[in-house]
Amino acid sequence: MNHKGVLIVARHGARRDYEMRNKGENWVFTNDRPHDPPLSEEGFEQAIALGDKIQGLLTENGLGECKVSCVYSSPLLRCVQTANGAISRLNELYRSNHEMEEDSSSASIKLRIEHGLVESLSLNWYSSWCLPGSDSSWGFYQKLPGEKFTWDEKSLKSDGDGCWNVHELATRGATELFLPFESLSHKIGDGQRLTIDYEYTSLYNLEDKRYRWGHFETKKNDAVRMGMVARTLLNKHPGETILLVSHGGPTTHLYAELTGCDFDSAPLCRYTGTSLYIDKGDGMIENLVVNV
């Protein structure tokens, strides 16, 4: 198949906080980083399986000769863990096909942390972890009684007197919520090694956006952010195959942004839901599969 490059986009694997919530427990109350849950055991298994899934999708779509050269991940832990698991499995597959030297760590796929792939920094996301009683549920604020929690985002944004009883982390800039590289390396998973490209600088500057509680990212801004990141990275890797690991909403917003299709026309992006695109050149990007 003729193309100028291949883009693979995947959601992270199963989350530990959702697993606990489904058992009647609340992970948010047990952790000092309530916004950044890790994968569950099932999620770690899904991360490894994502490597096989990617290779299968490429083969099924006439791109079996393509090999992932670089992986970009959202800075949130569950995505980094997912990306690292997929890299581990892809490296195994490539070595088994003698496409990488067995002892060459330099040949391994590198992982780059890209802030532009982060979760939607919306009221729905913030309220899932920063309000009294938050239980990781998306849009948790809608569950709470009281007039102020039924207001829309515009009303919430206009309220700047600090009366909201929110977690202190929610008042910080978004980039302050991300773990530093050295901390990520200790949270990857048993027996796994993190291969972060420490020299890479995120191309999307979240600090300029000043997102925090009361100043939320809109769906439109989320879509534009994801589209800019995807197109820039495709241009950065001409003729290559790259993998982006992000979140359910952003990956589907990206589909809508690149194809012009409605967000709701795409299937629900479940854990490790994966989309495949080819760069046709001259700004044309074709979607082959979405959220499978």
C-alpha atoms as a PDB file:
ATOM      1  CA  MET A   1       0.000   0.000   0.000  1.00  0.00           C
ATOM      2  CA  ASN A   2       1.395   3.394  -1.008  1.00  0.00           C
ATOM      3  CA  HIS A   3       1.702   5.861   1.836  1.00  0.00           C
ATOM      4  CA  LYS A   4       3.880   8.596   3.306  1.00  0.00           C
ATOM      5  CA  GLY A   5       3.649   7.223   6.823  1.00  0.00           C
ATOM      6  CA  VAL A   6       1.447   5.208   9.179  1.00  0.00           C
ATOM      7  CA  LEU A   7      -0.208   6.472  12.358  1.00  0.00           C
ATOM      8  CA  ILE A   8      -1.503   4.090  15.044  1.00  0.00           C
ATOM      9  CA  VAL A   9      -3.512   5.543  17.931  1.00  0.00           C
ATOM     10  CA  ALA A  10      -4.467   3.480  20.990  1.00  0.00           C
ATOM     11  CA  ARG A  11      -6.228   4.015  24.283  1.00  0.00           C
ATOM     12  CA  HIS A  12      -4.614   2.817  27.514  1.00  0.00           C
ATOM     13  CA  GLY A  13      -5.502  -0.480  29.217  1.00  0.00           C
ATOM     14  CA  ALA A  14      -7.789  -1.184  32.176  1.00  0.00           C
ATOM     15  CA  ARG A  15      -7.448   1.146  35.184  1.00  0.00           C
ATOM     16  CA  ARG A  16      -7.007   0.100  38.805  1.00  0.00           C
ATOM     17  CA  ASP A  17      -9.330   2.814  40.119  1.00  0.00           C
ATOM     18  CA  TYR A  18     -12.220   1.643  37.942  1.00  0.00           C
ATOM     19  CA  GLU A  19     -11.610  -1.927  39.043  1.00  0.00           C
ATOM     20  CA  MET A  20     -11.821  -0.854  42.695  1.00  0.00           C
ATOM     21  CA  ARG A  21     -14.904   1.312  42.075  1.00  0.00           C
ATOM     22  CA  ASN A  22     -16.685  -1.656  40.523  1.00  0.00           C
ATOM     23  CA  LYS A  23     -15.991  -3.587  43.738  1.00  0.00           C
ATOM     24  CA  GLY A  24     -17.506  -0.833  45.875  1.00  0.00           C
ATOM     25  CA  GLU A  25     -14.126   0.644  46.882  1.00  0.00           C
ATOM     26  CA  ASN A  26     -12.768   4.127  46.196  1.00  0.00           C
ATOM     27  CA  TRP A  27      -9.195   4.402  44.929  1.00  0.00           C
ATOM     28  CA  VAL A  28      -9.342   8.216  44.976  1.00  0.00           C
ATOM     29  CA  PHE A  29      -9.401   8.249  48.782  1.00  0.00           C
ATOM     30  CA  THR A  30      -6.419   5.905  49.089  1.00  0.00           C
ATOM     31  CA  ASN A  31      -3.863   7.805  47.020  1.00  0.00           C
ATOM     32  CA  ASP A  32      -2.062  11.136  47.112  1.00  0.00           C
ATOM     33  CA  ARG A  33      -2.273  11.296  43.299  1.00  0.00           C
ATOM     34  CA  PRO A  34      -6.017  10.734  42.779  1.00  0.00           C
ATOM     35  CA  HIS A  35      -5.883  12.005  39.190  1.00  0.00           C
ATOM     36  CA  ASP A  36      -3.263   9.528  37.980  1.00  0.00           C
ATOM     37  CA  PRO A  37      -4.279   5.893  38.556  1.00  0.00           C
ATOM     38  CA  PRO A  38      -2.099   3.034  37.300  1.00  0.00           C
ATOM     39  CA  LEU A  39      -3.175   0.059  35.236  1.00  0.00           C
ATOM     40  CA  SER A  40      -4.840  -2.887  36.917  1.00  0.00           C
ATOM     41  CA  GLU A  41      -3.343  -6.353  36.523  1.00  0.00           C
ATOM     42  CA  GLU A  42      -5.700  -6.860  33.601  1.00  0.00           C
ATOM     43  CA  GLY A  43      -4.463  -3.567  32.163  1.00  0.00           C
ATOM     44  CA  PHE A  44      -0.845  -4.726  32.244  1.00  0.00           C
ATOM     45  CA  GLU A  45      -1.864  -7.857  30.336  1.00  0.00           C
ATOM     46  CA  GLN A  46      -3.739  -5.738  27.810  1.00  0.00           C
ATOM     47  CA  ALA A  47      -0.667  -3.534  27.340  1.00  0.00           C
ATOM     48  CA  ILE A  48       1.459  -6.506  26.329  1.00  0.00           C
ATOM     49  CA  ALA A  49      -1.321  -7.823  24.085  1.00  0.00           C
ATOM     50  CA  LEU A  50      -1.501  -4.434  22.379  1.00  0.00           C
ATOM     51  CA  GLY A  51       1.800  -5.224  20.677  1.00  0.00           C
ATOM     52  CA  ASP A  52       0.291  -8.314  19.040  1.00  0.00           C
ATOM     53  CA  LYS A  53      -2.887  -6.396  18.210  1.00  0.00           C
ATOM     54  CA  ILE A  54      -0.924  -3.681  16.421  1.00  0.00           C
ATOM     55  CA  GLN A  55       1.047  -6.160  14.345  1.00  0.00           C
ATOM     56  CA  GLY A  56      -2.168  -7.979  13.459  1.00  0.00           C
ATOM     57  CA  LEU A  57      -3.941  -4.786  12.361  1.00  0.00           C
ATOM     58  CA  LEU A  58      -1.022  -3.755  10.184  1.00  0.00           C
ATOM     59  CA  THR A  59      -0.955  -7.153   8.500  1.00  0.00           C
ATOM     60  CA  GLU A  60      -4.735  -7.255   7.988  1.00  0.00           C
ATOM     61  CA  ASN A  61      -4.616  -3.883   6.259  1.00  0.00           C
ATOM     62  CA  GLY A  62      -1.783  -4.638   3.861  1.00  0.00           C
ATOM     63  CA  LEU A  63       0.866  -2.959   5.995  1.00  0.00           C
ATOM     64  CA  GLY A  64       2.602  -6.036   7.362  1.00  0.00           C
ATOM     65  CA  GLU A  65       5.996  -4.708   6.323  1.00  0.00           C
ATOM     66  CA  CYS A  66       5.593  -1.653   8.570  1.00  0.00           C
ATOM     67  CA  LYS A  67       7.359  -1.672  11.928  1.00  0.00           C
ATOM     68  CA  VAL A  68       6.747   0.810  14.727  1.00  0.00           C
ATOM     69  CA  SER A  69       9.779   3.077  14.987  1.00  0.00           C
ATOM     70  CA  CYS A  70       8.699   5.404  17.796  1.00  0.00           C
ATOM     71  CA  VAL A  71       5.986   5.565  20.469  1.00  0.00           C
ATOM     72  CA  TYR A  72       4.526   8.728  21.989  1.00  0.00           C
ATOM     73  CA  SER A  73       2.494   8.616  25.191  1.00  0.00           C
ATOM     74  CA  SER A  74       0.292  10.843  27.282  1.00  0.00           C
ATOM     75  CA  PRO A  75       2.196  11.775  30.470  1.00  0.00           C
ATOM     76  CA  LEU A  76      -0.423  10.102  32.684  1.00  0.00           C
ATOM     77  CA  LEU A  77       0.786   6.883  34.261  1.00  0.00           C
ATOM     78  CA  ARG A  78      -1.738   4.445  32.782  1.00  0.00           C
ATOM     79  CA  CYS A  79      -0.759   5.511  29.264  1.00  0.00           C
ATOM     80  CA  VAL A  80       2.977   5.316  29.937  1.00  0.00           C
ATOM     81  CA  GLN A  81       2.510   1.829  31.380  1.00  0.00           C
ATOM     82  CA  THR A  82       0.430   0.801  28.357  1.00  0.00           C
ATOM     83  CA  ALA A  83       2.946   2.225  25.902  1.00  0.00           C
ATOM     84  CA  ASN A  84       5.828   0.520  27.658  1.00  0.00           C
ATOM     85  CA  GLY A  85       4.052  -2.848  27.629  1.00  0.00           C
ATOM     86  CA  ALA A  86       3.307  -2.537  23.913  1.00  0.00           C
ATOM     87  CA  ILE A  87       6.926  -1.583  23.216  1.00  0.00           C
ATOM     88  CA  SER A  88       8.150  -4.608  25.167  1.00  0.00           C
ATOM     89  CA  ARG A  89       6.011  -6.965  23.096  1.00  0.00           C
ATOM     90  CA  LEU A  90       6.799  -5.291  19.762  1.00  0.00           C
ATOM     91  CA  ASN A  91      10.518  -5.530  20.512  1.00  0.00           C
ATOM     92  CA  GLU A  92      10.062  -9.252  21.176  1.00  0.00           C
ATOM     93  CA  LEU A  93       8.204  -9.708  17.898  1.00  0.00           C
ATOM     94  CA  TYR A  94      10.822  -7.836  15.913  1.00  0.00           C
ATOM     95  CA  ARG A  95      13.671  -9.755  17.534  1.00  0.00           C
ATOM     96  CA  SER A  96      11.965 -13.062  16.824  1.00  0.00           C
ATOM     97  CA  ASN A  97      11.849 -12.028  13.167  1.00  0.00           C
ATOM     98  CA  HIS A  98      15.556 -11.095  13.304  1.00  0.00           C
ATOM     99  CA  GLU A  99      14.780  -7.457  12.637  1.00  0.00           C
ATOM    100  CA  MET A 100      16.635  -6.293  15.740  1.00  0.00           C
ATOM    101  CA  GLU A 101      19.912  -7.379  17.260  1.00  0.00           C
ATOM    102  CA  GLU A 102      19.226  -9.490  20.346  1.00  0.00           C
ATOM    103  CA  ASP A 103      21.599  -7.550  22.597  1.00  0.00           C
ATOM    104  CA  SER A 104      21.232  -4.096  21.078  1.00  0.00           C
ATOM    105  CA  SER A 105      19.394  -1.824  23.503  1.00  0.00           C
ATOM    106  CA  SER A 106      19.963   1.063  21.083  1.00  0.00           C
ATOM    107  CA  ALA A 107      17.743  -0.704  18.545  1.00  0.00           C
ATOM    108  CA  SER A 108      14.783  -0.879  20.921  1.00  0.00           C
ATOM    109  CA  ILE A 109      11.787   1.321  20.263  1.00  0.00           C
ATOM    110  CA  LYS A 110      12.021   4.521  22.274  1.00  0.00           C
ATOM    111  CA  LEU A 111       9.192   6.037  24.281  1.00  0.00           C
ATOM    112  CA  ARG A 112       8.574   9.779  24.208  1.00  0.00           C
ATOM    113  CA  ILE A 113       6.298  11.623  26.626  1.00  0.00           C
ATOM    114  CA  GLU A 114       4.041  14.069  24.790  1.00  0.00           C
ATOM    115  CA  HIS A 115       1.872  16.440  26.837  1.00  0.00           C
ATOM    116  CA  GLY A 116      -0.394  16.987  23.847  1.00  0.00           C
ATOM    117  CA  LEU A 117      -1.750  13.427  24.217  1.00  0.00           C
ATOM    118  CA  VAL A 118      -3.043  13.961  27.749  1.00  0.00           C
ATOM    119  CA  GLU A 119      -6.611  13.261  28.881  1.00  0.00           C
ATOM    120  CA  SER A 120      -9.283  15.879  28.132  1.00  0.00           C
ATOM    121  CA  LEU A 121      -8.684  18.528  30.792  1.00  0.00           C
ATOM    122  CA  SER A 122     -12.390  19.150  31.165  1.00  0.00           C
ATOM    123  CA  LEU A 123     -14.836  19.638  34.014  1.00  0.00           C
ATOM    124  CA  ASN A 124     -15.809  15.984  33.588  1.00  0.00           C
ATOM    125  CA  TRP A 125     -12.222  14.852  34.156  1.00  0.00           C
ATOM    126  CA  TYR A 126     -11.391  17.163  37.053  1.00  0.00           C
ATOM    127  CA  SER A 127     -14.589  16.352  38.915  1.00  0.00           C
ATOM    128  CA  SER A 128     -13.876  12.622  38.617  1.00  0.00           C
ATOM    129  CA  TRP A 129     -11.122  12.993  41.220  1.00  0.00           C
ATOM    130  CA  CYS A 130     -11.053  16.415  42.892  1.00  0.00           C
ATOM    131  CA  LEU A 131     -14.483  16.939  44.508  1.00  0.00           C
ATOM    132  CA  PRO A 132     -15.693  15.662  47.884  1.00  0.00           C
ATOM    133  CA  GLY A 133     -16.744  12.067  47.338  1.00  0.00           C
ATOM    134  CA  SER A 134     -15.257  11.780  43.840  1.00  0.00           C
ATOM    135  CA  ASP A 135     -15.014   8.104  42.886  1.00  0.00           C
ATOM    136  CA  SER A 136     -13.223   8.274  39.491  1.00  0.00           C
ATOM    137  CA  SER A 137     -16.545   8.486  37.615  1.00  0.00           C
ATOM    138  CA  TRP A 138     -16.400  10.725  34.539  1.00  0.00           C
ATOM    139  CA  GLY A 139     -18.498  13.836  35.172  1.00  0.00           C
ATOM    140  CA  PHE A 140     -18.851  13.062  38.891  1.00  0.00           C
ATOM    141  CA  TYR A 141     -20.042  16.622  39.635  1.00  0.00           C
ATOM    142  CA  GLN A 142     -23.399  15.739  38.079  1.00  0.00           C
ATOM    143  CA  LYS A 143     -24.021  13.203  40.857  1.00  0.00           C
ATOM    144  CA  LEU A 144     -23.776  15.733  43.662  1.00  0.00           C
ATOM    145  CA  PRO A 145     -26.766  17.560  45.175  1.00  0.00           C
ATOM    146  CA  GLY A 146     -26.878  21.300  45.471  1.00  0.00           C
ATOM    147  CA  GLU A 147     -27.479  24.108  43.015  1.00  0.00           C
ATOM    148  CA  LYS A 148     -23.838  24.956  42.412  1.00  0.00           C
ATOM    149  CA  PHE A 149     -23.097  21.463  41.083  1.00  0.00           C
ATOM    150  CA  THR A 150     -25.844  21.714  38.469  1.00  0.00           C
ATOM    151  CA  TRP A 151     -24.324  24.806  36.885  1.00  0.00           C
ATOM    152  CA  ASP A 152     -22.743  24.543  33.478  1.00  0.00           C
ATOM    153  CA  GLU A 153     -19.049  25.018  32.732  1.00  0.00           C
ATOM    154  CA  LYS A 154     -19.481  28.704  31.903  1.00  0.00           C
ATOM    155  CA  SER A 155     -20.873  29.367  35.362  1.00  0.00           C
ATOM    156  CA  LEU A 156     -18.130  27.345  37.001  1.00  0.00           C
ATOM    157  CA  LYS A 157     -15.431  29.208  35.111  1.00  0.00           C
ATOM    158  CA  SER A 158     -16.784  32.550  36.259  1.00  0.00           C
ATOM    159  CA  ASP A 159     -16.582  31.565  39.912  1.00  0.00           C
ATOM    160  CA  GLY A 160     -13.094  32.570  41.038  1.00  0.00           C
ATOM    161  CA  ASP A 161     -13.494  33.254  44.739  1.00  0.00           C
ATOM    162  CA  GLY A 162     -11.992  29.925  45.821  1.00  0.00           C
ATOM    163  CA  CYS A 163     -15.185  28.672  47.451  1.00  0.00           C
ATOM    164  CA  TRP A 164     -14.958  25.297  45.758  1.00  0.00           C
ATOM    165  CA  ASN A 165     -13.911  22.558  48.101  1.00  0.00           C
ATOM    166  CA  VAL A 166     -11.609  20.813  45.642  1.00  0.00           C
ATOM    167  CA  HIS A 167      -8.416  18.797  45.972  1.00  0.00           C
ATOM    168  CA  GLU A 168      -5.392  21.085  46.148  1.00  0.00           C
ATOM    169  CA  LEU A 169      -3.829  19.490  43.046  1.00  0.00           C
ATOM    170  CA  ALA A 170      -6.773  20.648  40.936  1.00  0.00           C
ATOM    171  CA  THR A 171      -5.780  24.274  41.497  1.00  0.00           C
ATOM    172  CA  ARG A 172      -2.318  23.742  40.007  1.00  0.00           C
ATOM    173  CA  GLY A 173      -1.349  24.046  36.364  1.00  0.00           C
ATOM    174  CA  ALA A 174      -1.860  20.839  34.378  1.00  0.00           C
ATOM    175  CA  THR A 175       1.837  20.116  33.846  1.00  0.00           C
ATOM    176  CA  GLU A 176       2.385  20.058  37.618  1.00  0.00           C
ATOM    177  CA  LEU A 177       0.170  16.961  37.757  1.00  0.00           C
ATOM    178  CA  PHE A 178       2.571  14.805  35.730  1.00  0.00           C
ATOM    179  CA  LEU A 179       5.181  12.514  37.253  1.00  0.00           C
ATOM    180  CA  PRO A 180       8.832  13.322  36.471  1.00  0.00           C
ATOM    181  CA  PHE A 181      10.716  10.775  34.359  1.00  0.00           C
ATOM    182  CA  GLU A 182      12.664   9.361  37.275  1.00  0.00           C
ATOM    183  CA  SER A 183       9.437   8.607  39.152  1.00  0.00           C
ATOM    184  CA  LEU A 184       7.840   6.973  36.119  1.00  0.00           C
ATOM    185  CA  SER A 185      10.681   4.476  35.898  1.00  0.00           C
ATOM    186  CA  HIS A 186       9.670   3.014  39.283  1.00  0.00           C
ATOM    187  CA  LYS A 187       6.008   2.526  38.320  1.00  0.00           C
ATOM    188  CA  ILE A 188       6.206   0.633  35.055  1.00  0.00           C
ATOM    189  CA  GLY A 189       5.451  -2.917  36.169  1.00  0.00           C
ATOM    190  CA  ASP A 190       7.248  -5.990  37.425  1.00  0.00           C
ATOM    191  CA  GLY A 191      10.075  -7.137  35.193  1.00  0.00           C
ATOM    192  CA  GLN A 192       9.689  -4.262  32.723  1.00  0.00           C
ATOM    193  CA  ARG A 193      12.260  -1.674  31.769  1.00  0.00           C
ATOM    194  CA  LEU A 194      11.370   1.871  30.760  1.00  0.00           C
ATOM    195  CA  THR A 195      13.008   3.165  27.585  1.00  0.00           C
ATOM    196  CA  ILE A 196      12.138   6.866  27.725  1.00  0.00           C
ATOM    197  CA  ASP A 197      13.835   9.255  25.333  1.00  0.00           C
ATOM    198  CA  TYR A 198      15.015  11.791  27.900  1.00  0.00           C
ATOM    199  CA  GLU A 199      16.128  14.271  25.236  1.00  0.00           C
ATOM    200  CA  TYR A 200      12.665  14.671  23.738  1.00  0.00           C
ATOM    201  CA  THR A 201      10.791  17.883  24.537  1.00  0.00           C
ATOM    202  CA  SER A 202       7.005  17.842  24.284  1.00  0.00           C
ATOM    203  CA  LEU A 203       5.910  19.747  21.195  1.00  0.00           C
ATOM    204  CA  TYR A 204       2.608  20.872  22.741  1.00  0.00           C
ATOM    205  CA  ASN A 205       2.918  23.548  25.432  1.00  0.00           C
ATOM    206  CA  LEU A 206       0.176  22.988  28.002  1.00  0.00           C
ATOM    207  CA  GLU A 207       1.536  25.655  30.334  1.00  0.00           C
ATOM    208  CA  ASP A 208       0.425  28.375  27.928  1.00  0.00           C
ATOM    209  CA  LYS A 209      -3.175  27.121  28.172  1.00  0.00           C
ATOM    210  CA  ARG A 210      -3.328  27.540  31.970  1.00  0.00           C
ATOM    211  CA  TYR A 211      -5.805  24.675  32.392  1.00  0.00           C
ATOM    212  CA  ARG A 212      -6.821  23.974  36.001  1.00  0.00           C
ATOM    213  CA  TRP A 213     -10.000  23.745  38.078  1.00  0.00           C
ATOM    214  CA  GLY A 214     -12.319  26.529  36.888  1.00  0.00           C
ATOM    215  CA  HIS A 215     -10.458  26.935  33.579  1.00  0.00           C
ATOM    216  CA  PHE A 216     -11.291  23.827  31.588  1.00  0.00           C
ATOM    217  CA  GLU A 217     -10.395  22.560  28.139  1.00  0.00           C
ATOM    218  CA  THR A 218     -13.299  22.443  25.676  1.00  0.00           C
ATOM    219  CA  LYS A 219     -14.072  19.505  23.394  1.00  0.00           C
ATOM    220  CA  LYS A 220     -13.085  21.624  20.410  1.00  0.00           C
ATOM    221  CA  ASN A 221      -9.735  22.535  21.935  1.00  0.00           C
ATOM    222  CA  ASP A 222      -9.147  18.875  22.762  1.00  0.00           C
ATOM    223  CA  ALA A 223      -9.765  17.898  19.133  1.00  0.00           C
ATOM    224  CA  VAL A 224      -7.560  20.671  17.759  1.00  0.00           C
ATOM    225  CA  ARG A 225      -4.776  19.733  20.183  1.00  0.00           C
ATOM    226  CA  MET A 226      -4.852  16.077  19.179  1.00  0.00           C
ATOM    227  CA  GLY A 227      -4.997  16.919  15.475  1.00  0.00           C
ATOM    228  CA  MET A 228      -2.030  19.253  15.704  1.00  0.00           C
ATOM    229  CA  VAL A 229       0.036  16.682  17.580  1.00  0.00           C
ATOM    230  CA  ALA A 230      -0.800  13.854  15.150  1.00  0.00           C
ATOM    231  CA  ARG A 231      -0.077  15.863  12.020  1.00  0.00           C
ATOM    232  CA  THR A 232       3.147  17.305  13.423  1.00  0.00           C
ATOM    233  CA  LEU A 233       4.429  13.889  14.450  1.00  0.00           C
ATOM    234  CA  LEU A 234       3.580  12.360  11.063  1.00  0.00           C
ATOM    235  CA  ASN A 235       5.600  15.127   9.432  1.00  0.00           C
ATOM    236  CA  LYS A 236       8.404  14.502  11.900  1.00  0.00           C
ATOM    237  CA  HIS A 237       8.547  10.821  10.900  1.00  0.00           C
ATOM    238  CA  PRO A 238       8.134  10.690   7.093  1.00  0.00           C
ATOM    239  CA  GLY A 239       7.705   7.146   5.800  1.00  0.00           C
ATOM    240  CA  GLU A 240       7.700   5.698   9.330  1.00  0.00           C
ATOM    241  CA  THR A 241       5.101   3.956  11.493  1.00  0.00           C
ATOM    242  CA  ILE A 242       4.431   5.650  14.834  1.00  0.00           C
ATOM    243  CA  LEU A 243       2.188   4.791  17.773  1.00  0.00           C
ATOM    244  CA  LEU A 244       0.375   7.331  19.960  1.00  0.00           C
ATOM    245  CA  VAL A 245      -1.039   6.155  23.300  1.00  0.00           C
ATOM    246  CA  SER A 246      -3.706   8.419  24.750  1.00  0.00           C
ATOM    247  CA  HIS A 247      -7.201   8.299  26.285  1.00  0.00           C
ATOM    248  CA  GLY A 248     -10.679   7.341  25.092  1.00  0.00           C
ATOM    249  CA  GLY A 249     -12.061  10.831  24.489  1.00  0.00           C
ATOM    250  CA  PRO A 250      -8.960  12.326  22.874  1.00  0.00           C
ATOM    251  CA  THR A 251      -8.433   9.359  20.537  1.00  0.00           C
ATOM    252  CA  THR A 252     -11.998   9.693  19.240  1.00  0.00           C
ATOM    253  CA  HIS A 253     -11.733  13.486  19.028  1.00  0.00           C
ATOM    254  CA  LEU A 254      -8.658  12.871  16.873  1.00  0.00           C
ATOM    255  CA  TYR A 255     -10.670  10.612  14.567  1.00  0.00           C
ATOM    256  CA  ALA A 256     -13.264  13.358  14.139  1.00  0.00           C
ATOM    257  CA  GLU A 257     -10.593  16.008  13.575  1.00  0.00           C
ATOM    258  CA  LEU A 258      -8.656  14.028  10.940  1.00  0.00           C
ATOM    259  CA  THR A 259     -11.636  12.618   9.034  1.00  0.00           C
ATOM    260  CA  GLY A 260     -14.281  15.322   9.375  1.00  0.00           C
ATOM    261  CA  CYS A 261     -16.696  12.675  10.671  1.00  0.00           C
ATOM    262  CA  ASP A 262     -18.879  13.216  13.724  1.00  0.00           C
ATOM    263  CA  PHE A 263     -17.475  12.125  17.085  1.00  0.00           C
ATOM    264  CA  ASP A 264     -20.528   9.946  17.734  1.00  0.00           C
ATOM    265  CA  SER A 265     -20.105   8.101  14.445  1.00  0.00           C
ATOM    266  CA  ALA A 266     -17.099   6.251  15.852  1.00  0.00           C
ATOM    267  CA  PRO A 267     -17.497   3.123  17.994  1.00  0.00           C
ATOM    268  CA  LEU A 268     -16.923   3.530  21.725  1.00  0.00           C
ATOM    269  CA  CYS A 269     -13.186   3.445  22.410  1.00  0.00           C
ATOM    270  CA  ARG A 270     -12.756   0.645  24.933  1.00  0.00           C
ATOM    271  CA  TYR A 271      -9.499  -0.313  26.654  1.00  0.00           C
ATOM    272  CA  THR A 272      -6.633  -0.465  24.116  1.00  0.00           C
ATOM    273  CA  GLY A 273      -9.110   0.534  21.399  1.00  0.00           C
ATOM    274  CA  THR A 274      -6.908   1.125  18.373  1.00  0.00           C
ATOM    275  CA  SER A 275      -7.226   3.244  15.221  1.00  0.00           C
ATOM    276  CA  LEU A 276      -5.087   3.064  12.103  1.00  0.00           C
ATOM    277  CA  TYR A 277      -4.375   5.877   9.642  1.00  0.00           C
ATOM    278  CA  ILE A 278      -2.154   6.312   6.593  1.00  0.00           C
ATOM    279  CA  ASP A 279      -0.615   9.576   5.443  1.00  0.00           C
ATOM    280  CA  LYS A 280      -1.464   9.943   1.749  1.00  0.00           C
ATOM    281  CA  GLY A 281       0.594  13.111   1.369  1.00  0.00           C
ATOM    282  CA  ASP A 282      -0.435  16.714   0.677  1.00  0.00           C
ATOM    283  CA  GLY A 283      -2.245  16.858   4.026  1.00  0.00           C
ATOM    284  CA  MET A 284      -4.507  13.894   3.245  1.00  0.00           C
ATOM    285  CA  ILE A 285      -4.856  11.315   6.042  1.00  0.00           C
ATOM    286  CA  GLU A 286      -6.998   8.212   5.502  1.00  0.00           C
ATOM    287  CA  ASN A 287      -8.554   6.236   8.328  1.00  0.00           C
ATOM    288  CA  LEU A 288      -8.474   2.445   7.892  1.00  0.00           C
ATOM    289  CA  VAL A 289      -9.931   1.289  11.223  1.00  0.00           C
ATOM    290  CA  VAL A 290     -11.239   3.149  14.265  1.00  0.00           C
ATOM    291  CA  ASN A 291     -11.424   2.137  17.942  1.00  0.00           C
ATOM    292  CA  VAL A 292     -11.152  -1.626  17.367  1.00  0.00           C
END
